[in-house]
Each structure stands twice: as structure tokens, then as C-alpha cells.
Amino acid sequence: MEKTNGLSFSYSPKSFGDSQKDYWNAVNHLLKMEFSNINFYQLKKLSEEHVGILIVSIEEVLGEETFLSPRGAIITFDGEISEKQIEFCRSIFNKSLLGFIDTSKPALLHVPWFKRIVFESQVLGTGAEVGAGQIHLGKILEQSLIELQRVKKLHENVVPLRHEKIKGINLYSKFAAGFSSGGEFFDIKKDDQQIIIIVTHSKSYVASSIALNHFEEFQKVKNANKELIEDFLENLINECRDLDLIDRETPQALQLDILRLDLRTFEYEGFHFGHGSYFSNGRKLSNENQRALNENFFEEAHYSGQLERGEKLIYASPGVLQNFDSRGEKGLLNKIILEQFDNGPREVLNEIFFQLKKNNEEDFLKFDASVIYLEVDANAFIQV
């Protein structure tokens, strides 16, 4: 088989069977329109050498075939697949498993996912010979940044001010998009007993993507506590470190804040890595943590406390501080919160973002900016 410097896909015999040919021909055509250097190979047998990402059917994985997937594997199935089969595939391929594809669905549904594989393979070097990733890096990052900015702006327009009421808590949040690559993302995990808020700020689009994947996995964790949060952080740190996206000496590479609030006692705890700031009832609670995101600094970054009835807690992201700092207005955020705190959440959030966007002629800020406002009901029942 001819070697190639571009990304290639290798189809196993059963994955390109008669029932799936139309699906894969459509995928090939759509990807070729955008990535002319992609190659597609049909393997005569699984033991044959293949140079690209392996596409293999679930039947072949469950059978007695043995094979390798040097650049990752995609498992195909037709209509349905069981959890037991999924777990078996994960045990076989581990980190080289890229995902599962239902070929009974339209190819257009999955093309964006295949494009992401192409982007990440070329950027991270998992799908090309040495040096090929660098050839395409500028173009890939440019297109990724355009897509990311489009998503940021859409999110800002669709959710200008988010409000949720959760068992004695009013939770408000607001976001404004910035030109910076990577940017900020936050997630809220909630159940009847607690809420967990996670915010990340990164300079890397790939690091942000990895963080979002870990958010999604963490949503499945039940009865999260300090130990399980540390496990989540360690998994995120290890993957980013394996890809050289973070190191032990650069705290700005990936900043993270996580807050867990017990909805029965209103006790809270969390981890604070980076330049975000916390305020409670008009006063600042935290200073910047200059430590890099690192398991050796968990205890140093850990914080805890308890909210009272009617108490308010505000978190301003690193991007908020960076936007004010870049305009020489470092102390303005503290001033706004002190002056507006008693006027209610909407007034506080609207004033912060009015000041951020004031005299800004662009559609975007310089950096993504997020503010989260949490308020305990004055009549909330607190378990003693």
C-alpha cells in the first residue's frame, strides 16, 4: 500500500459492505470537497497494513479478528449498539478509540464530526507523517478560530442573560464573546442535592475542546465530592499535559475554577486556579492564584465556606479582568460591584457588561468574558 503524507482513512472489509457503501461514498465526497489531500483505502483483510485511521465494524471487533489501529479507530454499527458492546470496544482500543458511527443515519449528520477529526489529526500530528501537521497548521487554526467566533457570537445572542432557579438558589450568568482563540466556557451540573459550576479560560482552541469533553463526562458522575472533583481535574490535566497544551510553569495556559454548593446546608467548596475573582455581598473574597493547574497544588487552590440566607456570590472570569486591564481600568470591576451590589443581579451584570463594551467599536471584546451571580433565597430552608 502506498504511504501518504496526508490524513487517510482505511476501511475494513465489513465496514464498507453493500449496505454502507452509499453512506461512506457520501462522506468521502463531502470531505474531499474541503480537504483534497485526504485519502481513502479499502482493506482486503484486517491483517493488511493500513496507514490511516481505521474504520471497522462492530461485528469485526466482537469477532475473533486481531488488528492494530496506529492512528485511531472508528467503530461502525447499523441502527443500534448496546452499552456492553461499547464498553468492550473501549477496553480493546482505549485512547485510540475515536468514536462510534451509526451508518443508518444520513452522512451529512456526521460530516462535522469527521471534519473535527481531520482538524485535530493535522494539528496534533495523529494523522500524518512528521511535519505534515505544520504545513496545514495556519489554515486549520484560522478556520477553527472563525468557527469558534461564530459559535461564541451565536451563544451571546441566544443567551444574553441566563437565569435558573434551583432549590433555594437564583443563578444568573452572562457572557460576551472575544476575539481571543480558545476563550472561556462554563458548565453547570445540578441535581436535587447540589450544583457544581465549572469555568475554564484557555489560550488554545484544542485545550478548550478537551475541557468541554471532560465536562460532558463529568456530567455523568453521581454524588460528586472533593475526591471525585480531584479525579476530574487530574484526568483533564493529564490529557492536556500529554498533548503539551499545559505545563507546570505557565498558569495562563489553562485557568480553571470549580464550585460545588450543597443545596441542603449551603456549604460550598471548590478549586481556584487563575485570575478569576469571587465577591460576596460587595466584598472581594479571593486573590489571583498564580499557580499553574497542577495536582500538586490542589490543597493550596482549595477553598470552602457557607452561604447564609439572602447572601450573594459573584464570580468574574479571567477574561473580565483581562478586558479591563487591557484598557488601563484594573480597579473598575471592584468599583462596579461595590456600587451596584444592592441593586440586584440584573443591574450588576448589565453594568459590568456595559462598561466592558463601552467605547468598543468591534462586535467582539478583546477577550471572552463571563460573570456568574448566585443568590440564596431569603426564605431558603437550611439544614443544620
Protein backbone atom coordinates (compact mmCIF):
# COMPACT_ATOMS: atom_id res chain seq x y z
CA MET A 1 0.00 0.00 0.00
CA GLU A 2 1.31 3.41 -0.91
CA LYS A 3 2.28 5.64 2.01
CA THR A 4 0.89 9.16 2.20
CA ASN A 5 1.82 12.36 3.98
CA GLY A 6 -1.82 13.40 4.25
CA LEU A 7 -4.51 12.10 6.58
CA SER A 8 -6.05 8.84 5.38
CA PHE A 9 -8.90 6.53 6.36
CA SER A 10 -8.67 2.74 5.98
CA TYR A 11 -11.94 0.80 5.67
CA SER A 12 -12.10 -2.76 6.94
CA PRO A 13 -13.85 -5.33 4.69
CA LYS A 14 -17.20 -5.33 6.53
CA SER A 15 -17.28 -1.60 7.25
CA PHE A 16 -17.52 -0.90 3.51
CA GLY A 17 -20.12 -3.56 2.76
CA ASP A 18 -23.01 -3.18 0.31
CA SER A 19 -25.36 -1.70 2.93
CA GLN A 20 -22.84 1.02 3.88
CA LYS A 21 -21.32 1.99 0.53
CA ASP A 22 -23.73 4.88 -0.09
CA TYR A 23 -23.00 6.31 3.37
CA TRP A 24 -19.20 6.20 3.01
CA ASN A 25 -19.25 7.40 -0.60
CA ALA A 26 -21.17 10.47 0.60
CA VAL A 27 -18.71 11.05 3.48
CA ASN A 28 -15.76 10.69 1.10
CA HIS A 29 -17.25 13.11 -1.41
CA LEU A 30 -18.09 15.78 1.18
CA LEU A 31 -14.67 15.59 2.85
CA LYS A 32 -12.81 15.62 -0.47
CA MET A 33 -14.56 18.89 -1.37
CA GLU A 34 -12.85 20.58 1.57
CA PHE A 35 -9.70 18.50 2.14
CA SER A 36 -8.26 17.50 -1.21
CA ASN A 37 -5.27 15.70 0.34
CA ILE A 38 -7.35 13.11 2.21
CA ASN A 39 -7.02 9.51 1.01
CA PHE A 40 -9.46 6.61 1.46
CA TYR A 41 -8.41 2.95 1.32
CA GLN A 42 -10.44 -0.25 1.32
CA LEU A 43 -8.63 -3.09 3.06
CA LYS A 44 -8.91 -6.58 1.64
CA LYS A 45 -8.38 -8.02 5.11
CA LEU A 46 -7.87 -6.61 8.57
CA SER A 47 -4.38 -8.00 8.96
CA GLU A 48 -3.26 -5.95 5.96
CA GLU A 49 -1.07 -2.95 6.79
CA HIS A 50 -3.00 0.29 6.92
CA VAL A 51 -1.62 3.80 7.18
CA GLY A 52 -4.66 5.81 8.26
CA ILE A 53 -7.41 5.95 10.83
CA LEU A 54 -9.06 2.52 10.85
CA ILE A 55 -12.81 2.27 10.24
CA VAL A 56 -14.03 -1.12 11.43
CA SER A 57 -17.48 -2.64 12.01
CA ILE A 58 -18.74 -3.66 15.44
CA GLU A 59 -19.10 -7.25 14.15
CA GLU A 60 -15.38 -7.39 13.35
CA VAL A 61 -14.45 -6.02 16.77
CA LEU A 62 -16.68 -8.53 18.55
CA GLY A 63 -15.34 -11.38 16.40
CA GLU A 64 -12.01 -13.12 16.69
CA GLU A 65 -10.12 -10.77 14.42
CA THR A 66 -6.99 -9.17 15.88
CA PHE A 67 -5.66 -5.92 14.49
CA LEU A 68 -3.99 -2.65 15.38
CA SER A 69 -5.14 0.96 14.98
CA PRO A 70 -1.94 3.05 14.96
CA ARG A 71 -3.78 6.33 14.37
CA GLY A 72 -7.11 5.64 15.98
CA ALA A 73 -10.23 3.63 15.20
CA ILE A 74 -13.84 4.48 14.36
CA ILE A 75 -16.41 1.75 15.10
CA THR A 76 -19.41 1.47 12.75
CA PHE A 77 -22.81 -0.03 13.57
CA ASP A 78 -26.16 -0.17 11.82
CA GLY A 79 -29.09 1.16 13.83
CA GLU A 80 -28.28 0.04 17.37
CA ILE A 81 -25.43 -0.83 19.69
CA SER A 82 -25.51 -1.96 23.34
CA GLU A 83 -23.68 -0.43 26.30
CA LYS A 84 -21.91 -3.77 26.79
CA GLN A 85 -20.59 -3.63 23.22
CA ILE A 86 -19.47 -0.02 23.70
CA GLU A 87 -17.55 -0.88 26.86
CA PHE A 88 -15.95 -3.87 25.12
CA CYS A 89 -14.72 -1.63 22.28
CA ARG A 90 -13.30 0.83 24.81
CA SER A 91 -11.42 -1.97 26.55
CA ILE A 92 -9.90 -3.03 23.21
CA PHE A 93 -8.87 0.35 21.80
CA ASN A 94 -8.56 2.56 24.91
CA LYS A 95 -7.39 6.08 23.94
CA SER A 96 -7.12 5.18 20.26
CA LEU A 97 -10.93 4.84 20.03
CA LEU A 98 -12.16 7.99 18.26
CA GLY A 99 -15.87 7.22 18.41
CA PHE A 100 -18.87 5.31 17.01
CA ILE A 101 -20.81 5.94 13.79
CA ASP A 102 -24.36 4.79 13.02
CA THR A 103 -24.26 4.30 9.25
CA SER A 104 -28.05 4.05 9.06
CA LYS A 105 -28.16 7.84 9.60
CA PRO A 106 -27.55 10.42 6.83
CA ALA A 107 -23.87 11.10 6.18
CA LEU A 108 -24.48 14.86 6.49
CA LEU A 109 -25.25 14.33 10.17
CA HIS A 110 -21.70 13.12 10.86
CA VAL A 111 -19.59 15.19 8.47
CA PRO A 112 -18.92 17.98 11.07
CA TRP A 113 -17.54 15.30 13.40
CA PHE A 114 -15.27 13.93 10.66
CA LYS A 115 -14.05 17.47 9.96
CA ARG A 116 -13.10 17.81 13.61
CA ILE A 117 -11.10 14.57 13.37
CA VAL A 118 -9.29 15.99 10.34
CA PHE A 119 -8.54 19.28 12.13
CA GLU A 120 -7.26 17.63 15.31
CA SER A 121 -5.30 14.97 13.42
CA GLN A 122 -3.44 17.58 11.39
CA VAL A 123 -2.89 19.95 14.33
CA LEU A 124 -1.80 17.29 16.80
CA GLY A 125 0.02 15.14 14.27
CA THR A 126 -2.03 11.98 14.85
CA GLY A 127 -2.98 11.52 11.22
CA ALA A 128 0.08 12.49 9.19
CA GLU A 129 3.76 11.88 8.85
CA VAL A 130 6.22 14.09 10.73
CA GLY A 131 5.94 17.70 9.65
CA ALA A 132 2.63 17.41 7.79
CA GLY A 133 0.73 18.99 10.65
CA GLN A 134 2.86 22.12 10.45
CA ILE A 135 2.12 22.56 6.75
CA HIS A 136 -1.60 22.85 7.40
CA LEU A 137 -1.48 24.41 10.87
CA GLY A 138 -2.05 28.03 9.88
CA LYS A 139 -5.04 27.25 7.68
CA ILE A 140 -6.58 24.89 10.23
CA LEU A 141 -6.24 27.30 13.13
CA GLU A 142 -7.63 30.15 11.03
CA GLN A 143 -10.72 28.14 10.09
CA SER A 144 -11.14 26.84 13.65
CA LEU A 145 -10.97 30.38 15.01
CA ILE A 146 -13.61 31.59 12.55
CA GLU A 147 -15.93 28.74 13.55
CA LEU A 148 -15.28 29.32 17.24
CA GLN A 149 -16.03 33.05 16.97
CA ARG A 150 -19.26 32.28 15.12
CA VAL A 151 -20.34 29.92 17.91
CA LYS A 152 -19.37 32.45 20.58
CA LYS A 153 -21.41 35.21 18.96
CA LEU A 154 -24.41 32.91 18.47
CA HIS A 155 -24.26 31.91 22.13
CA GLU A 156 -24.06 35.54 23.23
CA ASN A 157 -27.09 36.49 21.11
CA VAL A 158 -29.21 33.50 22.10
CA VAL A 159 -28.43 33.63 25.84
CA PRO A 160 -27.80 37.31 26.68
CA LEU A 161 -28.72 36.75 30.35
CA ARG A 162 -29.28 33.26 31.68
CA HIS A 163 -31.42 32.74 34.78
CA GLU A 164 -32.13 29.49 36.61
CA LYS A 165 -33.92 28.88 39.90
CA ILE A 166 -32.57 25.79 41.64
CA LYS A 167 -33.96 24.76 45.06
CA GLY A 168 -33.43 27.91 47.10
CA ILE A 169 -30.88 29.41 44.70
CA ASN A 170 -31.21 32.00 41.96
CA LEU A 171 -28.41 31.60 39.43
CA TYR A 172 -27.69 34.29 36.82
CA SER A 173 -24.94 34.30 34.20
CA LYS A 174 -23.88 36.46 31.29
CA PHE A 175 -21.29 36.03 28.55
CA ALA A 176 -19.69 38.25 25.91
CA ALA A 177 -17.55 36.90 23.09
CA GLY A 178 -13.96 37.95 22.45
CA PHE A 179 -11.52 37.71 19.56
CA SER A 180 -9.12 35.56 21.56
CA SER A 181 -8.59 31.97 20.46
CA GLY A 182 -9.58 29.26 22.91
CA GLY A 183 -11.62 31.52 25.15
CA GLU A 184 -13.93 30.76 28.05
CA PHE A 185 -16.55 28.10 28.61
CA PHE A 186 -18.62 27.23 31.63
CA ASP A 187 -20.91 24.38 32.58
CA ILE A 188 -23.44 23.81 35.37
CA LYS A 189 -24.01 20.32 36.79
CA LYS A 190 -27.04 20.02 39.07
CA ASP A 191 -29.21 17.52 40.90
CA ASP A 192 -31.55 17.62 43.92
CA GLN A 193 -28.69 17.91 46.40
CA GLN A 194 -26.02 20.11 44.84
CA ILE A 195 -24.91 22.27 41.97
CA ILE A 196 -21.41 22.37 40.50
CA ILE A 197 -20.19 25.26 38.36
CA ILE A 198 -17.08 24.85 36.19
CA VAL A 199 -15.39 27.70 34.29
CA THR A 200 -12.30 27.38 32.08
CA HIS A 201 -10.23 30.05 30.36
CA SER A 202 -7.71 28.90 27.76
CA LYS A 203 -5.49 30.34 25.04
CA SER A 204 -5.87 27.17 22.98
CA TYR A 205 -8.86 26.05 20.94
CA VAL A 206 -7.76 22.42 21.36
CA ALA A 207 -7.48 22.78 25.16
CA SER A 208 -10.97 24.29 25.27
CA SER A 209 -12.31 21.39 23.21
CA ILE A 210 -10.72 18.86 25.56
CA ALA A 211 -12.13 20.67 28.60
CA LEU A 212 -15.63 20.54 27.10
CA ASN A 213 -15.26 16.79 26.54
CA HIS A 214 -14.30 16.33 30.18
CA PHE A 215 -17.28 18.49 31.24
CA GLU A 216 -19.54 16.12 29.35
CA GLU A 217 -18.06 13.05 31.06
CA PHE A 218 -18.23 14.71 34.47
CA GLN A 219 -21.97 15.30 33.99
CA LYS A 220 -22.41 11.53 34.37
CA VAL A 221 -20.76 11.42 37.80
CA LYS A 222 -23.21 10.92 40.67
CA ASN A 223 -22.82 12.30 44.22
CA ALA A 224 -19.72 14.29 43.31
CA ASN A 225 -17.47 15.19 46.23
CA LYS A 226 -14.00 16.64 46.68
CA GLU A 227 -12.28 13.38 45.73
CA LEU A 228 -14.33 12.94 42.54
CA ILE A 229 -13.72 16.56 41.57
CA GLU A 230 -9.99 15.96 42.02
CA ASP A 231 -10.28 12.89 39.77
CA PHE A 232 -11.97 15.05 37.12
CA LEU A 233 -9.20 17.64 37.39
CA GLU A 234 -6.44 15.03 37.22
CA ASN A 235 -7.92 13.45 34.08
CA LEU A 236 -8.18 16.86 32.41
CA ILE A 237 -4.64 17.82 33.47
CA ASN A 238 -3.15 14.51 32.27
CA GLU A 239 -4.70 14.72 28.80
CA CYS A 240 -3.70 18.35 28.31
CA ARG A 241 -0.21 17.61 29.58
CA ASP A 242 0.17 14.58 27.27
CA LEU A 243 -0.55 16.89 24.33
CA ASP A 244 1.84 19.60 25.62
CA LEU A 245 -1.07 22.05 25.95
CA ILE A 246 -0.19 22.92 29.55
CA ASP A 247 2.91 22.68 31.67
CA ARG A 248 3.88 23.17 35.29
CA GLU A 249 5.27 26.67 34.78
CA THR A 250 2.60 28.52 32.75
CA PRO A 251 -0.54 29.29 34.78
CA GLN A 252 -2.18 31.24 31.94
CA ALA A 253 -2.27 28.23 29.58
CA LEU A 254 -5.46 26.83 31.16
CA GLN A 255 -7.18 28.60 34.05
CA LEU A 256 -10.00 26.86 35.88
CA ASP A 257 -12.49 27.48 38.65
CA ILE A 258 -14.89 24.92 40.07
CA LEU A 259 -17.51 25.48 42.78
CA ARG A 260 -19.66 22.80 44.47
CA LEU A 261 -22.63 24.05 46.53
CA ASP A 262 -24.66 21.76 48.82
CA LEU A 263 -28.35 22.72 48.40
CA ARG A 264 -29.25 21.41 51.86
CA THR A 265 -26.65 23.12 54.03
CA PHE A 266 -25.47 25.79 51.54
CA GLU A 267 -21.90 24.87 52.36
CA TYR A 268 -19.59 25.30 49.39
CA GLU A 269 -16.09 24.28 48.33
CA GLY A 270 -14.06 24.48 45.18
CA PHE A 271 -10.73 24.93 43.43
CA HIS A 272 -9.40 28.25 42.19
CA PHE A 273 -6.66 28.27 39.52
CA GLY A 274 -6.08 31.52 37.69
CA HIS A 275 -7.09 35.18 37.63
CA GLY A 276 -10.85 34.90 38.23
CA SER A 277 -12.30 36.74 41.24
CA TYR A 278 -15.03 35.98 43.78
CA PHE A 279 -17.14 38.61 45.55
CA SER A 280 -19.69 38.15 48.34
CA ASN A 281 -22.11 40.87 49.42
CA GLY A 282 -19.96 43.51 47.81
CA ARG A 283 -16.55 42.47 49.10
CA LYS A 284 -13.80 40.60 47.30
CA LEU A 285 -13.16 37.07 48.63
CA SER A 286 -10.21 35.85 46.56
CA ASN A 287 -6.97 36.99 45.01
CA GLU A 288 -5.42 35.69 41.82
CA ASN A 289 -3.90 32.22 42.13
CA GLN A 290 -0.58 32.34 40.30
CA ARG A 291 -0.12 28.56 40.47
CA ALA A 292 -0.46 26.56 37.25
CA LEU A 293 -3.23 23.96 37.02
CA ASN A 294 -1.40 21.11 38.71
CA GLU A 295 -2.35 18.24 41.03
CA ASN A 296 0.48 19.24 43.40
CA PHE A 297 -1.35 22.50 44.17
CA PHE A 298 -4.86 21.09 44.84
CA GLU A 299 -4.77 21.78 48.57
CA GLU A 300 -3.41 25.27 48.05
CA ALA A 301 -6.14 26.05 45.48
CA HIS A 302 -8.97 24.54 47.54
CA TYR A 303 -11.42 26.86 49.30
CA SER A 304 -14.62 26.38 51.31
CA GLY A 305 -17.32 28.29 53.19
CA GLN A 306 -21.05 28.58 53.77
CA LEU A 307 -23.66 30.93 52.33
CA GLU A 308 -26.34 32.49 54.51
CA ARG A 309 -29.96 33.28 53.60
CA GLY A 310 -30.01 36.24 51.25
CA GLU A 311 -26.25 36.07 50.62
CA LYS A 312 -24.96 36.76 47.13
CA LEU A 313 -21.85 35.35 45.46
CA ILE A 314 -20.37 36.71 42.22
CA TYR A 315 -17.67 35.12 40.09
CA ALA A 316 -15.94 37.24 37.43
CA SER A 317 -13.86 35.26 34.94
CA PRO A 318 -10.22 35.91 33.99
CA GLY A 319 -11.46 37.39 30.70
CA VAL A 320 -13.41 40.10 32.55
CA LEU A 321 -10.25 41.15 34.37
CA GLN A 322 -8.13 40.96 31.20
CA ASN A 323 -10.52 43.21 29.26
CA PHE A 324 -10.48 45.88 31.97
CA ASP A 325 -6.70 45.56 32.44
CA SER A 326 -6.05 45.95 28.68
CA ARG A 327 -7.82 49.34 28.82
CA GLY A 328 -5.98 50.50 31.94
CA GLU A 329 -9.10 50.08 34.13
CA LYS A 330 -7.83 47.45 36.55
CA GLY A 331 -9.87 48.60 39.54
CA LEU A 332 -13.12 49.26 37.70
CA LEU A 333 -14.68 45.82 38.33
CA ASN A 334 -14.31 46.17 42.10
CA LYS A 335 -15.87 49.64 41.94
CA ILE A 336 -18.86 48.47 39.87
CA ILE A 337 -19.62 45.58 42.21
CA LEU A 338 -19.32 47.72 45.34
CA GLU A 339 -21.62 50.39 43.90
CA GLN A 340 -24.21 48.12 42.24
CA PHE A 341 -24.33 45.12 44.56
CA ASP A 342 -27.50 46.13 46.39
CA ASN A 343 -29.37 46.89 43.16
CA GLY A 344 -29.90 43.25 42.23
CA PRO A 345 -28.38 40.75 39.80
CA ARG A 346 -29.60 42.20 36.52
CA GLU A 347 -28.31 45.67 37.35
CA VAL A 348 -24.91 44.33 38.43
CA LEU A 349 -24.46 42.15 35.34
CA ASN A 350 -25.76 44.77 32.92
CA GLU A 351 -23.45 47.43 34.36
CA ILE A 352 -20.38 45.18 34.18
CA PHE A 353 -21.01 44.36 30.52
CA PHE A 354 -21.97 47.93 29.66
CA GLN A 355 -18.59 49.08 30.97
CA LEU A 356 -16.81 46.22 29.15
CA LYS A 357 -18.38 47.17 25.80
CA LYS A 358 -18.31 50.93 26.25
CA ASN A 359 -16.24 52.66 23.54
CA ASN A 360 -15.69 49.31 21.85
CA GLU A 361 -16.24 49.67 18.10
CA GLU A 362 -15.90 45.95 17.34
CA ASP A 363 -18.55 43.25 17.62
CA PHE A 364 -16.24 41.31 19.93
CA LEU A 365 -14.38 42.19 23.10
CA LYS A 366 -10.65 41.56 23.20
CA PHE A 367 -11.19 38.51 25.42
CA ASP A 368 -14.18 36.29 26.24
CA ALA A 369 -15.86 37.46 29.45
CA SER A 370 -18.19 35.56 31.80
CA VAL A 371 -19.89 36.57 35.06
CA ILE A 372 -21.89 34.24 37.30
CA TYR A 373 -24.17 35.62 40.03
CA LEU A 374 -25.53 33.25 42.69
CA GLU A 375 -28.10 34.34 45.28
CA VAL A 376 -29.61 32.36 48.19
CA ASP A 377 -33.33 32.94 48.75
CA ALA A 378 -34.08 34.97 51.84
CA ASN A 379 -36.50 32.24 52.99
CA ALA A 380 -34.42 29.23 51.96
CA PHE A 381 -34.54 26.21 54.28
CA ILE A 382 -31.05 25.46 55.59
CA GLN A 383 -30.35 22.05 57.08
CA VAL A 384 -28.36 22.25 60.29
